[in-house]
Amino acid sequence: MAELIYQRQFRTPSSESYIIQRDGRSFGHLDLHFGATEVSGTLILLEEQPDEELLKLVDQIDEDLVVSSDTPREDLLLTVFKGQEIAFYTDDLQRGDGESVEES
């Protein structure tokens, strides 16, 4: 599997959000929420992955971001979706100060 690059979007005391890149392009979006004994998350992939590759990806995320965190865990609960980015909005865009960013 090609090296993954995690671009953190935000961090709170109990959650983190990342854009995941592979081979120089966006590959997915990951939200992690750290509870008392479990870490739950949502992974949205921008392209289909064979089951074997998906399991490797989940293991890699676990190793890179979950196990290495300071939060002990008994289980990782990760829901995976395949999606397509439609647009990106900010408050500036809502006021008409810019244009939405759309990808095909």
N, C-alpha and C. Protein backbone atom coordinates (compact mmCIF):
# COMPACT_ATOMS: atom_id res chain seq x y z
N MET A 1 0.85 -1.17 0.00
CA MET A 1 0.00 0.00 0.00
C MET A 1 0.90 1.24 0.00
N ALA A 2 0.54 2.22 -0.82
CA ALA A 2 1.30 3.47 -0.89
C ALA A 2 1.19 4.20 0.45
N GLU A 3 2.19 5.03 0.71
CA GLU A 3 2.22 5.77 1.98
C GLU A 3 1.04 6.73 2.08
N LEU A 4 0.43 6.75 3.25
CA LEU A 4 -0.69 7.65 3.51
C LEU A 4 -0.16 8.91 4.17
N ILE A 5 -0.74 10.04 3.81
CA ILE A 5 -0.44 11.31 4.45
C ILE A 5 -1.73 11.80 5.08
N TYR A 6 -1.66 12.12 6.38
CA TYR A 6 -2.83 12.59 7.12
C TYR A 6 -2.70 14.09 7.33
N GLN A 7 -3.61 14.86 6.77
CA GLN A 7 -3.63 16.29 7.00
C GLN A 7 -4.72 16.59 8.02
N ARG A 8 -4.30 16.92 9.24
CA ARG A 8 -5.27 17.17 10.29
C ARG A 8 -6.05 18.44 9.97
N GLN A 9 -7.37 18.35 10.05
CA GLN A 9 -8.24 19.50 9.83
C GLN A 9 -8.56 20.19 11.15
N PHE A 10 -8.76 19.40 12.21
CA PHE A 10 -8.98 19.97 13.54
C PHE A 10 -8.75 18.91 14.59
N ARG A 11 -8.56 19.38 15.82
CA ARG A 11 -8.42 18.50 16.98
C ARG A 11 -9.12 19.15 18.15
N THR A 12 -9.91 18.36 18.87
CA THR A 12 -10.53 18.79 20.12
C THR A 12 -10.01 17.86 21.20
N PRO A 13 -10.40 18.06 22.45
CA PRO A 13 -9.93 17.14 23.50
C PRO A 13 -10.34 15.68 23.26
N SER A 14 -11.40 15.44 22.47
CA SER A 14 -11.85 14.06 22.29
C SER A 14 -12.06 13.64 20.84
N SER A 15 -11.66 14.46 19.86
CA SER A 15 -11.87 14.07 18.47
C SER A 15 -10.83 14.72 17.56
N GLU A 16 -10.70 14.13 16.38
CA GLU A 16 -9.79 14.63 15.36
C GLU A 16 -10.42 14.38 13.99
N SER A 17 -10.06 15.21 13.04
CA SER A 17 -10.55 15.06 11.67
C SER A 17 -9.37 15.20 10.71
N TYR A 18 -9.33 14.35 9.70
CA TYR A 18 -8.21 14.32 8.76
C TYR A 18 -8.69 14.22 7.32
N ILE A 19 -7.93 14.83 6.42
CA ILE A 19 -7.99 14.52 5.00
C ILE A 19 -6.86 13.52 4.79
N ILE A 20 -7.16 12.41 4.12
CA ILE A 20 -6.14 11.39 3.86
C ILE A 20 -5.72 11.51 2.40
N GLN A 21 -4.41 11.56 2.19
CA GLN A 21 -3.88 11.62 0.83
C GLN A 21 -3.02 10.39 0.56
N ARG A 22 -3.02 10.00 -0.69
CA ARG A 22 -2.17 8.89 -1.15
C ARG A 22 -1.76 9.22 -2.58
N ASP A 23 -0.51 9.03 -2.88
CA ASP A 23 0.03 9.32 -4.22
C ASP A 23 -0.24 10.76 -4.63
N GLY A 24 -0.17 11.70 -3.67
CA GLY A 24 -0.28 13.11 -3.97
C GLY A 24 -1.68 13.64 -4.21
N ARG A 25 -2.71 12.85 -3.90
CA ARG A 25 -4.08 13.34 -4.09
C ARG A 25 -4.97 12.88 -2.95
N SER A 26 -6.07 13.61 -2.78
CA SER A 26 -7.01 13.25 -1.71
C SER A 26 -7.60 11.88 -1.96
N PHE A 27 -7.63 11.10 -0.89
CA PHE A 27 -8.08 9.71 -0.97
C PHE A 27 -9.31 9.48 -0.10
N GLY A 28 -9.44 10.26 0.98
CA GLY A 28 -10.56 10.07 1.88
C GLY A 28 -10.58 11.10 2.99
N HIS A 29 -11.61 10.99 3.81
CA HIS A 29 -11.81 11.88 4.96
C HIS A 29 -12.07 10.99 6.18
N LEU A 30 -11.43 11.31 7.30
CA LEU A 30 -11.55 10.49 8.50
C LEU A 30 -11.87 11.37 9.71
N ASP A 31 -12.90 10.98 10.45
CA ASP A 31 -13.22 11.59 11.74
C ASP A 31 -13.05 10.53 12.81
N LEU A 32 -12.32 10.85 13.87
CA LEU A 32 -12.12 9.94 15.00
C LEU A 32 -12.63 10.60 16.26
N HIS A 33 -13.32 9.80 17.11
CA HIS A 33 -13.86 10.29 18.38
C HIS A 33 -13.39 9.34 19.47
N PHE A 34 -12.64 9.89 20.43
CA PHE A 34 -12.01 9.09 21.49
C PHE A 34 -12.90 9.09 22.72
N GLY A 35 -13.44 7.91 23.06
CA GLY A 35 -14.25 7.75 24.25
C GLY A 35 -13.41 7.19 25.38
N ALA A 36 -14.09 6.81 26.46
CA ALA A 36 -13.39 6.29 27.64
C ALA A 36 -12.72 4.94 27.35
N THR A 37 -13.38 4.06 26.61
CA THR A 37 -12.81 2.74 26.34
C THR A 37 -12.83 2.36 24.87
N GLU A 38 -13.45 3.18 24.02
CA GLU A 38 -13.54 2.87 22.59
C GLU A 38 -13.21 4.10 21.78
N VAL A 39 -12.71 3.86 20.58
CA VAL A 39 -12.52 4.93 19.60
C VAL A 39 -13.48 4.62 18.47
N SER A 40 -14.35 5.57 18.15
CA SER A 40 -15.26 5.38 17.03
C SER A 40 -14.90 6.37 15.94
N GLY A 41 -15.21 6.01 14.71
CA GLY A 41 -14.85 6.89 13.62
C GLY A 41 -15.68 6.66 12.39
N THR A 42 -15.56 7.62 11.48
CA THR A 42 -16.19 7.55 10.18
C THR A 42 -15.11 7.81 9.13
N LEU A 43 -15.01 6.90 8.19
CA LEU A 43 -14.06 7.00 7.09
C LEU A 43 -14.85 7.09 5.80
N ILE A 44 -14.63 8.16 5.05
CA ILE A 44 -15.29 8.32 3.75
C ILE A 44 -14.20 8.23 2.70
N LEU A 45 -14.28 7.21 1.85
CA LEU A 45 -13.30 7.01 0.79
C LEU A 45 -13.84 7.60 -0.51
N LEU A 46 -12.95 8.17 -1.30
CA LEU A 46 -13.36 8.78 -2.56
C LEU A 46 -13.31 7.80 -3.72
N GLU A 47 -12.80 6.60 -3.47
CA GLU A 47 -12.77 5.57 -4.51
C GLU A 47 -12.96 4.19 -3.89
N GLU A 48 -13.49 3.30 -4.66
CA GLU A 48 -13.75 1.93 -4.22
C GLU A 48 -12.44 1.22 -3.86
N GLN A 49 -12.49 0.39 -2.82
CA GLN A 49 -11.33 -0.38 -2.38
C GLN A 49 -11.72 -1.85 -2.26
N PRO A 50 -10.89 -2.76 -2.76
CA PRO A 50 -11.15 -4.18 -2.53
C PRO A 50 -11.12 -4.46 -1.02
N ASP A 51 -11.85 -5.47 -0.58
CA ASP A 51 -11.94 -5.79 0.84
C ASP A 51 -10.57 -5.95 1.49
N GLU A 52 -9.65 -6.64 0.83
CA GLU A 52 -8.32 -6.86 1.40
C GLU A 52 -7.59 -5.54 1.61
N GLU A 53 -7.67 -4.62 0.65
CA GLU A 53 -7.03 -3.32 0.78
C GLU A 53 -7.70 -2.47 1.86
N LEU A 54 -9.02 -2.60 1.98
CA LEU A 54 -9.75 -1.85 3.00
C LEU A 54 -9.32 -2.29 4.40
N LEU A 55 -9.15 -3.59 4.60
CA LEU A 55 -8.68 -4.09 5.90
C LEU A 55 -7.27 -3.59 6.21
N LYS A 56 -6.40 -3.55 5.20
CA LYS A 56 -5.06 -3.01 5.39
C LYS A 56 -5.12 -1.53 5.75
N LEU A 57 -6.02 -0.80 5.10
CA LEU A 57 -6.17 0.62 5.36
C LEU A 57 -6.63 0.86 6.79
N VAL A 58 -7.61 0.10 7.25
CA VAL A 58 -8.10 0.24 8.62
C VAL A 58 -6.98 -0.08 9.61
N ASP A 59 -6.23 -1.13 9.36
CA ASP A 59 -5.09 -1.47 10.23
C ASP A 59 -4.06 -0.34 10.25
N GLN A 60 -3.80 0.26 9.09
CA GLN A 60 -2.82 1.34 9.02
C GLN A 60 -3.29 2.57 9.79
N ILE A 61 -4.57 2.91 9.65
CA ILE A 61 -5.14 4.04 10.40
C ILE A 61 -5.06 3.77 11.89
N ASP A 62 -5.39 2.54 12.29
CA ASP A 62 -5.32 2.16 13.69
C ASP A 62 -3.90 2.34 14.22
N GLU A 63 -2.94 1.85 13.48
CA GLU A 63 -1.54 1.93 13.91
C GLU A 63 -1.04 3.38 13.92
N ASP A 64 -1.34 4.14 12.88
CA ASP A 64 -0.80 5.49 12.73
C ASP A 64 -1.46 6.51 13.66
N LEU A 65 -2.77 6.41 13.87
CA LEU A 65 -3.50 7.47 14.56
C LEU A 65 -4.15 7.07 15.88
N VAL A 66 -4.55 5.82 16.00
CA VAL A 66 -5.30 5.41 17.19
C VAL A 66 -4.37 4.84 18.26
N VAL A 67 -3.63 3.82 17.92
CA VAL A 67 -2.73 3.18 18.89
C VAL A 67 -1.68 4.17 19.37
N SER A 68 -1.23 5.04 18.48
CA SER A 68 -0.18 6.01 18.85
C SER A 68 -0.70 7.18 19.68
N SER A 69 -2.01 7.30 19.83
CA SER A 69 -2.56 8.39 20.65
C SER A 69 -2.37 8.07 22.13
N ASP A 70 -2.60 9.06 22.97
CA ASP A 70 -2.44 8.86 24.41
C ASP A 70 -3.66 8.23 25.05
N THR A 71 -4.67 7.89 24.26
CA THR A 71 -5.92 7.35 24.78
C THR A 71 -5.93 5.83 24.67
N PRO A 72 -5.96 5.12 25.80
CA PRO A 72 -6.05 3.66 25.72
C PRO A 72 -7.42 3.25 25.18
N ARG A 73 -7.46 2.16 24.46
CA ARG A 73 -8.74 1.75 23.89
C ARG A 73 -8.91 0.24 23.97
N GLU A 74 -10.16 -0.19 24.09
CA GLU A 74 -10.48 -1.60 24.05
C GLU A 74 -10.93 -2.01 22.66
N ASP A 75 -11.47 -1.05 21.87
CA ASP A 75 -11.96 -1.40 20.54
C ASP A 75 -11.94 -0.17 19.64
N LEU A 76 -11.81 -0.41 18.35
CA LEU A 76 -11.93 0.62 17.32
C LEU A 76 -13.19 0.30 16.52
N LEU A 77 -14.11 1.24 16.50
CA LEU A 77 -15.36 1.08 15.76
C LEU A 77 -15.32 2.08 14.61
N LEU A 78 -15.18 1.58 13.39
CA LEU A 78 -15.00 2.45 12.23
C LEU A 78 -16.04 2.13 11.17
N THR A 79 -16.85 3.11 10.83
CA THR A 79 -17.84 2.97 9.75
C THR A 79 -17.22 3.55 8.50
N VAL A 80 -17.28 2.79 7.40
CA VAL A 80 -16.64 3.20 6.15
C VAL A 80 -17.72 3.44 5.10
N PHE A 81 -17.60 4.58 4.42
CA PHE A 81 -18.50 4.94 3.32
C PHE A 81 -17.67 5.22 2.08
N LYS A 82 -18.25 5.01 0.92
CA LYS A 82 -17.66 5.49 -0.33
C LYS A 82 -18.48 6.69 -0.73
N GLY A 83 -17.82 7.82 -0.97
CA GLY A 83 -18.55 9.04 -1.29
C GLY A 83 -17.85 9.85 -2.35
N GLN A 84 -18.49 10.95 -2.68
CA GLN A 84 -17.95 11.88 -3.66
C GLN A 84 -18.10 13.28 -3.11
N GLU A 85 -17.01 14.04 -3.14
CA GLU A 85 -17.09 15.42 -2.68
C GLU A 85 -17.88 16.23 -3.72
N ILE A 86 -18.89 16.90 -3.26
CA ILE A 86 -19.73 17.71 -4.13
C ILE A 86 -19.27 19.16 -4.12
N ALA A 87 -19.01 19.71 -2.93
CA ALA A 87 -18.58 21.10 -2.81
C ALA A 87 -18.02 21.33 -1.42
N PHE A 88 -17.37 22.47 -1.23
CA PHE A 88 -16.83 22.89 0.05
C PHE A 88 -17.36 24.29 0.32
N TYR A 89 -17.90 24.52 1.52
CA TYR A 89 -18.48 25.81 1.86
C TYR A 89 -17.85 26.35 3.14
N THR A 90 -17.76 27.65 3.22
CA THR A 90 -17.33 28.33 4.44
C THR A 90 -18.29 29.50 4.67
N ASP A 91 -18.17 30.15 5.82
CA ASP A 91 -19.01 31.32 6.08
C ASP A 91 -18.80 32.39 5.02
N ASP A 92 -17.55 32.57 4.56
CA ASP A 92 -17.28 33.55 3.51
C ASP A 92 -18.09 33.26 2.25
N LEU A 93 -18.20 32.01 1.90
CA LEU A 93 -18.96 31.65 0.71
C LEU A 93 -20.44 31.94 0.89
N GLN A 94 -20.94 31.75 2.11
CA GLN A 94 -22.35 32.02 2.37
C GLN A 94 -22.67 33.50 2.23
N ARG A 95 -21.68 34.36 2.49
CA ARG A 95 -21.87 35.81 2.37
C ARG A 95 -21.61 36.30 0.96
N GLY A 96 -21.20 35.39 0.07
CA GLY A 96 -20.93 35.79 -1.31
C GLY A 96 -19.53 36.31 -1.53
N ASP A 97 -18.60 36.05 -0.58
CA ASP A 97 -17.24 36.57 -0.70
C ASP A 97 -16.33 35.67 -1.53
N GLY A 98 -16.83 34.55 -2.02
CA GLY A 98 -15.99 33.63 -2.77
C GLY A 98 -16.83 32.65 -3.54
N GLU A 99 -16.15 31.69 -4.13
CA GLU A 99 -16.84 30.66 -4.90
C GLU A 99 -16.61 29.31 -4.25
N SER A 100 -17.59 28.39 -4.41
CA SER A 100 -17.41 27.05 -3.87
C SER A 100 -16.32 26.35 -4.66
N VAL A 101 -15.66 25.40 -4.02
CA VAL A 101 -14.64 24.60 -4.66
C VAL A 101 -15.28 23.28 -5.02
N GLU A 102 -15.37 22.99 -6.30
CA GLU A 102 -15.98 21.75 -6.74
C GLU A 102 -14.96 20.91 -7.47
N GLU A 103 -15.05 19.60 -7.28
CA GLU A 103 -14.19 18.66 -7.97
C GLU A 103 -15.03 17.77 -8.83
N SER A 104 -14.50 17.35 -9.96
CA SER A 104 -15.24 16.41 -10.81
C SER A 104 -14.80 15.02 -10.51
